[in-house]
Amino acid sequence: MTKSKVAKPGPKRSRQPEVTRRNILDAALVEFAEKGLAGARVDEIAARSGSNKRMIYEYFGNKDGLWLFVLERAYEKMREEEHAIDVARMKPEDGMRYLMEFNFKFCSRNPEFIALLNAENLHKAGFLRNSKKIRELYTPLLAVITDLLERGAKEGVFRKGVDPVEMYITIAALGFFYFSNVHTLSTIFGRNLLGQKSQKTRLDHSIEVVLGYLRP
C-alpha cells in the first residue's frame, strides 16, 4: 500500500516588488542627501539599490517623482516616530518638552532629513507643493500642539493666545537651524557643536527658552 503524498504548501507570495521599491528609496535618500536633486544620478541610485533604471522609472516615473517620494517618506518617518508617544496624555509642560526634545534629537539622528529640506527650500518647495499628503501629515501634529496650549492656558501654566502654527515653527527652527548650520557654527566659535555635551547644552537651553516664553 502506497502512502498518499501530502501536498506541500505553495510558495509565499513574493514581496520582491516592495523590497525593491524600499531599496530604491533607501538608495535615493543617500544619493539625494549627498548631491541634491540636480547632482543626483539615477544610474548611481540604481547601482546603490541593486536595481536598474527601468525599475526606478516604472515605480516612480522619473527623477523628480522619485525626489518627491523620498521627501514625503522622510516627513512620514518623522511623524510616525513622533506619534509613538501619546502626547495627549501628558501634562502640558511635559508634552511641549517632549515635542522639543523629539524634534531636536530627530534632526541629530537624521542628517539626511536636514539635507533634503535644505535642497527643497532651494527649489522654493516646488516639488513639495505637489504632494497630496504633506498637509495631512501635519494636521494631527497641529491638533496636539493646540491641545497642549489650550490645556496649559486653562491650568494657568501657559500664556493665552499662542498661535499653534507659530509654536510649531519655533520648535522646528530650534533643531533645524542648529543642525543645518552646525559645521559653520562650530568653525566660527571654535567648538565641537556635534559633541554630545554641546547638543545637550543646546537642547536644555532651547527647552528653557520656549517654556519661559509660554509661562504666563
C-alpha atoms as a PDB file:
ATOM      1  CA  MET A   1       0.000   0.000   0.000  1.00  0.00           C
ATOM      2  CA  THR A   2       1.496   3.280  -1.085  1.00  0.00           C
ATOM      3  CA  LYS A   3       1.408   6.288   1.167  1.00  0.00           C
ATOM      4  CA  SER A   4      -0.564   9.182  -0.137  1.00  0.00           C
ATOM      5  CA  LYS A   5       1.537  12.206  -0.825  1.00  0.00           C
ATOM      6  CA  VAL A   6       0.950  15.215   1.361  1.00  0.00           C
ATOM      7  CA  ALA A   7       0.643  18.362  -0.660  1.00  0.00           C
ATOM      8  CA  LYS A   8       3.389  20.831   0.097  1.00  0.00           C
ATOM      9  CA  PRO A   9       2.322  24.354   0.882  1.00  0.00           C
ATOM     10  CA  GLY A  10       2.696  26.708  -2.035  1.00  0.00           C
ATOM     11  CA  PRO A  11       5.387  29.359  -2.012  1.00  0.00           C
ATOM     12  CA  LYS A  12       4.625  32.500  -0.098  1.00  0.00           C
ATOM     13  CA  ARG A  13       3.549  35.393  -2.226  1.00  0.00           C
ATOM     14  CA  SER A  14       6.645  37.255  -3.283  1.00  0.00           C
ATOM     15  CA  ARG A  15       7.299  40.590  -1.620  1.00  0.00           C
ATOM     16  CA  GLN A  16      10.055  41.357  -4.072  1.00  0.00           C
ATOM     17  CA  PRO A  17       8.387  44.464  -5.575  1.00  0.00           C
ATOM     18  CA  GLU A  18       8.011  46.008  -2.101  1.00  0.00           C
ATOM     19  CA  VAL A  19      11.595  45.131  -1.213  1.00  0.00           C
ATOM     20  CA  THR A  20      12.896  46.549  -4.483  1.00  0.00           C
ATOM     21  CA  ARG A  21      10.912  49.738  -4.003  1.00  0.00           C
ATOM     22  CA  ARG A  22      12.205  50.155  -0.451  1.00  0.00           C
ATOM     23  CA  ASN A  23      15.792  49.562  -1.566  1.00  0.00           C
ATOM     24  CA  ILE A  24      15.436  52.198  -4.272  1.00  0.00           C
ATOM     25  CA  LEU A  25      14.049  54.717  -1.782  1.00  0.00           C
ATOM     26  CA  ASP A  26      16.847  53.989   0.699  1.00  0.00           C
ATOM     27  CA  ALA A  27      19.488  54.427  -2.010  1.00  0.00           C
ATOM     28  CA  ALA A  28      17.828  57.566  -3.337  1.00  0.00           C
ATOM     29  CA  LEU A  29      17.785  59.102   0.145  1.00  0.00           C
ATOM     30  CA  VAL A  30      21.552  58.749   0.410  1.00  0.00           C
ATOM     31  CA  GLU A  31      22.204  59.970  -3.137  1.00  0.00           C
ATOM     32  CA  PHE A  32      19.874  62.978  -2.843  1.00  0.00           C
ATOM     33  CA  ALA A  33      21.188  63.925   0.598  1.00  0.00           C
ATOM     34  CA  GLU A  34      24.769  63.836  -0.658  1.00  0.00           C
ATOM     35  CA  LYS A  35      24.280  65.577  -4.015  1.00  0.00           C
ATOM     36  CA  GLY A  36      20.884  67.260  -4.063  1.00  0.00           C
ATOM     37  CA  LEU A  37      18.320  66.794  -6.804  1.00  0.00           C
ATOM     38  CA  ALA A  38      20.388  68.290  -9.612  1.00  0.00           C
ATOM     39  CA  GLY A  39      23.581  66.402  -8.750  1.00  0.00           C
ATOM     40  CA  ALA A  40      21.985  63.018  -8.046  1.00  0.00           C
ATOM     41  CA  ARG A  41      22.192  60.403 -10.796  1.00  0.00           C
ATOM     42  CA  VAL A  42      19.588  57.745 -11.481  1.00  0.00           C
ATOM     43  CA  ASP A  43      22.363  55.372 -12.595  1.00  0.00           C
ATOM     44  CA  GLU A  44      24.000  55.719  -9.190  1.00  0.00           C
ATOM     45  CA  ILE A  45      20.708  55.164  -7.362  1.00  0.00           C
ATOM     46  CA  ALA A  46      20.134  52.026  -9.414  1.00  0.00           C
ATOM     47  CA  ALA A  47      23.631  50.767  -8.580  1.00  0.00           C
ATOM     48  CA  ARG A  48      23.255  51.519  -4.864  1.00  0.00           C
ATOM     49  CA  SER A  49      19.886  49.748  -4.706  1.00  0.00           C
ATOM     50  CA  GLY A  50      20.828  46.722  -6.802  1.00  0.00           C
ATOM     51  CA  SER A  51      18.060  47.504  -9.283  1.00  0.00           C
ATOM     52  CA  ASN A  52      18.065  49.222 -12.672  1.00  0.00           C
ATOM     53  CA  LYS A  53      16.828  52.451 -14.246  1.00  0.00           C
ATOM     54  CA  ARG A  54      13.828  50.736 -15.808  1.00  0.00           C
ATOM     55  CA  MET A  55      12.536  49.707 -12.367  1.00  0.00           C
ATOM     56  CA  ILE A  56      13.045  53.208 -10.997  1.00  0.00           C
ATOM     57  CA  TYR A  57      11.072  54.764 -13.834  1.00  0.00           C
ATOM     58  CA  GLU A  58       8.391  52.081 -13.516  1.00  0.00           C
ATOM     59  CA  TYR A  59       7.876  52.725  -9.797  1.00  0.00           C
ATOM     60  CA  PHE A  60       8.409  56.482  -9.638  1.00  0.00           C
ATOM     61  CA  GLY A  61       8.009  57.874 -13.145  1.00  0.00           C
ATOM     62  CA  ASN A  62      11.176  59.972 -13.283  1.00  0.00           C
ATOM     63  CA  LYS A  63      13.835  61.505 -11.057  1.00  0.00           C
ATOM     64  CA  ASP A  64      11.543  64.338  -9.970  1.00  0.00           C
ATOM     65  CA  GLY A  65       8.883  61.826  -8.965  1.00  0.00           C
ATOM     66  CA  LEU A  66      11.441  59.845  -7.002  1.00  0.00           C
ATOM     67  CA  TRP A  67      12.586  63.015  -5.231  1.00  0.00           C
ATOM     68  CA  LEU A  68       9.045  63.735  -4.065  1.00  0.00           C
ATOM     69  CA  PHE A  69       8.573  60.153  -2.846  1.00  0.00           C
ATOM     70  CA  VAL A  70      11.814  60.369  -0.848  1.00  0.00           C
ATOM     71  CA  LEU A  71      10.835  63.741   0.598  1.00  0.00           C
ATOM     72  CA  GLU A  72       7.385  62.536   1.629  1.00  0.00           C
ATOM     73  CA  ARG A  73       8.865  59.390   3.125  1.00  0.00           C
ATOM     74  CA  ALA A  74      11.257  61.470   5.242  1.00  0.00           C
ATOM     75  CA  TYR A  75       8.379  63.532   6.616  1.00  0.00           C
ATOM     76  CA  GLU A  76       6.332  60.384   7.243  1.00  0.00           C
ATOM     77  CA  LYS A  77       9.183  58.812   9.196  1.00  0.00           C
ATOM     78  CA  MET A  78       9.404  61.860  11.427  1.00  0.00           C
ATOM     79  CA  ARG A  79       5.687  61.988  12.122  1.00  0.00           C
ATOM     80  CA  GLU A  80       5.460  58.214  12.748  1.00  0.00           C
ATOM     81  CA  GLU A  81       8.261  58.287  15.311  1.00  0.00           C
ATOM     82  CA  GLU A  82       6.829  61.378  16.937  1.00  0.00           C
ATOM     83  CA  HIS A  83       3.392  59.784  17.324  1.00  0.00           C
ATOM     84  CA  ALA A  84       4.852  56.749  19.085  1.00  0.00           C
ATOM     85  CA  ILE A  85       4.210  58.591  22.350  1.00  0.00           C
ATOM     86  CA  ASP A  86       0.679  59.681  23.288  1.00  0.00           C
ATOM     87  CA  VAL A  87       1.381  63.344  23.999  1.00  0.00           C
ATOM     88  CA  ALA A  88      -2.310  63.997  24.685  1.00  0.00           C
ATOM     89  CA  ARG A  89      -1.977  62.088  27.966  1.00  0.00           C
ATOM     90  CA  MET A  90       0.935  64.240  29.147  1.00  0.00           C
ATOM     91  CA  LYS A  91       0.781  67.356  31.254  1.00  0.00           C
ATOM     92  CA  PRO A  92       1.077  70.459  29.038  1.00  0.00           C
ATOM     93  CA  GLU A  93       4.652  71.319  30.045  1.00  0.00           C
ATOM     94  CA  ASP A  94       5.797  67.701  29.723  1.00  0.00           C
ATOM     95  CA  GLY A  95       4.127  67.379  26.328  1.00  0.00           C
ATOM     96  CA  MET A  96       5.747  70.523  24.987  1.00  0.00           C
ATOM     97  CA  ARG A  97       9.102  69.419  26.379  1.00  0.00           C
ATOM     98  CA  TYR A  98       8.713  66.052  24.638  1.00  0.00           C
ATOM     99  CA  LEU A  99       7.937  67.669  21.267  1.00  0.00           C
ATOM    100  CA  MET A 100      11.008  69.901  21.511  1.00  0.00           C
ATOM    101  CA  GLU A 101      13.268  67.066  22.604  1.00  0.00           C
ATOM    102  CA  PHE A 102      11.972  64.737  19.896  1.00  0.00           C
ATOM    103  CA  ASN A 103      12.391  67.323  17.141  1.00  0.00           C
ATOM    104  CA  PHE A 104      15.931  68.190  18.196  1.00  0.00           C
ATOM    105  CA  LYS A 105      17.068  64.585  18.541  1.00  0.00           C
ATOM    106  CA  PHE A 106      15.404  63.552  15.275  1.00  0.00           C
ATOM    107  CA  CYS A 107      17.413  66.219  13.447  1.00  0.00           C
ATOM    108  CA  SER A 108      20.550  64.977  15.189  1.00  0.00           C
ATOM    109  CA  ARG A 109      19.903  61.342  14.182  1.00  0.00           C
ATOM    110  CA  ASN A 110      18.831  62.114  10.611  1.00  0.00           C
ATOM    111  CA  PRO A 111      21.247  64.486   8.850  1.00  0.00           C
ATOM    112  CA  GLU A 112      19.778  63.320   5.528  1.00  0.00           C
ATOM    113  CA  PHE A 113      16.474  64.935   6.550  1.00  0.00           C
ATOM    114  CA  ILE A 114      18.233  68.275   7.047  1.00  0.00           C
ATOM    115  CA  ALA A 115      19.929  67.949   3.659  1.00  0.00           C
ATOM    116  CA  LEU A 116      16.650  67.168   1.896  1.00  0.00           C
ATOM    117  CA  LEU A 117      14.875  70.145   3.448  1.00  0.00           C
ATOM    118  CA  ASN A 118      17.729  72.480   2.581  1.00  0.00           C
ATOM    119  CA  ALA A 119      17.603  71.299  -1.023  1.00  0.00           C
ATOM    120  CA  GLU A 120      13.819  71.548  -1.289  1.00  0.00           C
ATOM    121  CA  ASN A 121      13.917  75.077   0.059  1.00  0.00           C
ATOM    122  CA  LEU A 122      16.380  75.975  -2.688  1.00  0.00           C
ATOM    123  CA  HIS A 123      13.620  74.859  -5.070  1.00  0.00           C
ATOM    124  CA  LYS A 124      11.144  77.018  -3.099  1.00  0.00           C
ATOM    125  CA  ALA A 125       9.103  73.895  -2.240  1.00  0.00           C
ATOM    126  CA  GLY A 126       8.324  73.447  -5.919  1.00  0.00           C
ATOM    127  CA  PHE A 127       8.103  69.669  -5.527  1.00  0.00           C
ATOM    128  CA  LEU A 128       6.559  69.504  -2.057  1.00  0.00           C
ATOM    129  CA  ARG A 129       3.778  71.749  -3.327  1.00  0.00           C
ATOM    130  CA  ASN A 130       2.647  68.822  -5.481  1.00  0.00           C
ATOM    131  CA  SER A 131       2.378  66.455  -2.528  1.00  0.00           C
ATOM    132  CA  LYS A 132      -1.099  65.168  -1.781  1.00  0.00           C
ATOM    133  CA  LYS A 133      -0.225  64.007   1.714  1.00  0.00           C
ATOM    134  CA  ILE A 134       2.087  66.562   3.348  1.00  0.00           C
ATOM    135  CA  ARG A 135      -0.666  68.674   4.915  1.00  0.00           C
ATOM    136  CA  GLU A 136      -2.406  65.547   6.185  1.00  0.00           C
ATOM    137  CA  LEU A 137       0.801  64.615   7.988  1.00  0.00           C
ATOM    138  CA  TYR A 138       0.838  67.897   9.884  1.00  0.00           C
ATOM    139  CA  THR A 139      -2.850  68.257  10.724  1.00  0.00           C
ATOM    140  CA  PRO A 140      -2.665  65.797  13.693  1.00  0.00           C
ATOM    141  CA  LEU A 141       0.512  67.483  14.976  1.00  0.00           C
ATOM    142  CA  LEU A 142      -1.108  70.913  14.988  1.00  0.00           C
ATOM    143  CA  ALA A 143      -4.083  69.406  16.820  1.00  0.00           C
ATOM    144  CA  VAL A 144      -1.727  68.055  19.510  1.00  0.00           C
ATOM    145  CA  ILE A 145       0.032  71.413  19.908  1.00  0.00           C
ATOM    146  CA  THR A 146      -3.311  73.221  20.038  1.00  0.00           C
ATOM    147  CA  ASP A 147      -4.492  70.856  22.772  1.00  0.00           C
ATOM    148  CA  LEU A 148      -1.320  71.353  24.818  1.00  0.00           C
ATOM    149  CA  LEU A 149      -1.565  75.136  24.537  1.00  0.00           C
ATOM    150  CA  GLU A 150      -5.250  75.192  25.448  1.00  0.00           C
ATOM    151  CA  ARG A 151      -4.852  72.843  28.413  1.00  0.00           C
ATOM    152  CA  GLY A 152      -1.799  74.753  29.565  1.00  0.00           C
ATOM    153  CA  ALA A 153      -3.642  78.059  29.408  1.00  0.00           C
ATOM    154  CA  LYS A 154      -6.618  76.587  31.268  1.00  0.00           C
ATOM    155  CA  GLU A 155      -4.338  75.219  34.010  1.00  0.00           C
ATOM    156  CA  GLY A 156      -2.514  78.541  34.281  1.00  0.00           C
ATOM    157  CA  VAL A 157       0.916  77.218  33.239  1.00  0.00           C
ATOM    158  CA  PHE A 158       0.910  78.708  29.691  1.00  0.00           C
ATOM    159  CA  ARG A 159       0.006  82.151  28.480  1.00  0.00           C
ATOM    160  CA  LYS A 160      -3.169  82.534  26.475  1.00  0.00           C
ATOM    161  CA  GLY A 161      -3.494  83.195  22.773  1.00  0.00           C
ATOM    162  CA  VAL A 162      -0.390  81.415  21.461  1.00  0.00           C
ATOM    163  CA  ASP A 163      -0.697  80.518  17.767  1.00  0.00           C
ATOM    164  CA  PRO A 164      -0.050  76.739  17.382  1.00  0.00           C
ATOM    165  CA  VAL A 165       1.496  77.235  13.926  1.00  0.00           C
ATOM    166  CA  GLU A 166       3.936  79.828  15.284  1.00  0.00           C
ATOM    167  CA  MET A 167       4.708  77.498  18.169  1.00  0.00           C
ATOM    168  CA  TYR A 168       5.476  74.624  15.825  1.00  0.00           C
ATOM    169  CA  ILE A 169       7.718  76.774  13.627  1.00  0.00           C
ATOM    170  CA  THR A 170       9.666  77.826  16.711  1.00  0.00           C
ATOM    171  CA  ILE A 171      10.087  74.231  17.878  1.00  0.00           C
ATOM    172  CA  ALA A 172      11.174  73.089  14.414  1.00  0.00           C
ATOM    173  CA  ALA A 173      13.563  76.012  13.973  1.00  0.00           C
ATOM    174  CA  LEU A 174      15.438  75.307  17.195  1.00  0.00           C
ATOM    175  CA  GLY A 175      16.525  71.909  15.878  1.00  0.00           C
ATOM    176  CA  PHE A 176      16.710  72.598  12.156  1.00  0.00           C
ATOM    177  CA  PHE A 177      18.807  75.775  12.387  1.00  0.00           C
ATOM    178  CA  TYR A 178      21.282  74.192  14.771  1.00  0.00           C
ATOM    179  CA  PHE A 179      21.980  71.098  12.678  1.00  0.00           C
ATOM    180  CA  SER A 180      21.775  72.761   9.268  1.00  0.00           C
ATOM    181  CA  ASN A 181      24.466  75.221  10.395  1.00  0.00           C
ATOM    182  CA  VAL A 182      26.398  73.084  12.844  1.00  0.00           C
ATOM    183  CA  HIS A 183      29.612  72.939  10.804  1.00  0.00           C
ATOM    184  CA  THR A 184      29.851  76.668  10.162  1.00  0.00           C
ATOM    185  CA  LEU A 185      28.891  77.491  13.755  1.00  0.00           C
ATOM    186  CA  SER A 186      31.485  75.027  15.076  1.00  0.00           C
ATOM    187  CA  THR A 187      34.140  76.726  12.953  1.00  0.00           C
ATOM    188  CA  ILE A 188      33.100  80.266  13.888  1.00  0.00           C
ATOM    189  CA  PHE A 189      33.018  79.636  17.636  1.00  0.00           C
ATOM    190  CA  GLY A 190      35.775  77.024  17.836  1.00  0.00           C
ATOM    191  CA  ARG A 191      33.520  74.427  19.426  1.00  0.00           C
ATOM    192  CA  ASN A 192      32.528  70.900  18.514  1.00  0.00           C
ATOM    193  CA  LEU A 193      28.799  71.546  18.420  1.00  0.00           C
ATOM    194  CA  LEU A 194      28.122  67.994  17.246  1.00  0.00           C
ATOM    195  CA  GLY A 195      29.520  66.632  20.505  1.00  0.00           C
ATOM    196  CA  GLN A 196      27.008  65.083  22.876  1.00  0.00           C
ATOM    197  CA  LYS A 197      27.726  67.612  25.626  1.00  0.00           C
ATOM    198  CA  SER A 198      27.199  70.548  23.256  1.00  0.00           C
ATOM    199  CA  GLN A 199      23.983  69.050  21.928  1.00  0.00           C
ATOM    200  CA  LYS A 200      22.598  68.519  25.428  1.00  0.00           C
ATOM    201  CA  THR A 201      23.515  72.083  26.410  1.00  0.00           C
ATOM    202  CA  ARG A 202      21.764  73.430  23.332  1.00  0.00           C
ATOM    203  CA  LEU A 203      18.658  71.282  23.849  1.00  0.00           C
ATOM    204  CA  ASP A 204      18.330  72.272  27.509  1.00  0.00           C
ATOM    205  CA  HIS A 205      18.731  75.929  26.564  1.00  0.00           C
ATOM    206  CA  SER A 206      16.114  75.671  23.798  1.00  0.00           C
ATOM    207  CA  ILE A 207      13.569  73.991  26.077  1.00  0.00           C
ATOM    208  CA  GLU A 208      14.048  76.684  28.719  1.00  0.00           C
ATOM    209  CA  VAL A 209      13.641  79.435  26.119  1.00  0.00           C
ATOM    210  CA  VAL A 210      10.350  78.016  24.815  1.00  0.00           C
ATOM    211  CA  LEU A 211       8.882  77.134  28.207  1.00  0.00           C
ATOM    212  CA  GLY A 212       9.982  80.534  29.513  1.00  0.00           C
ATOM    213  CA  TYR A 213       8.065  82.212  26.691  1.00  0.00           C
ATOM    214  CA  LEU A 214       4.966  80.104  27.347  1.00  0.00           C
ATOM    215  CA  ARG A 215       4.787  80.891  31.049  1.00  0.00           C
ATOM    216  CA  PRO A 216       2.073  83.480  31.855  1.00  0.00           C
END
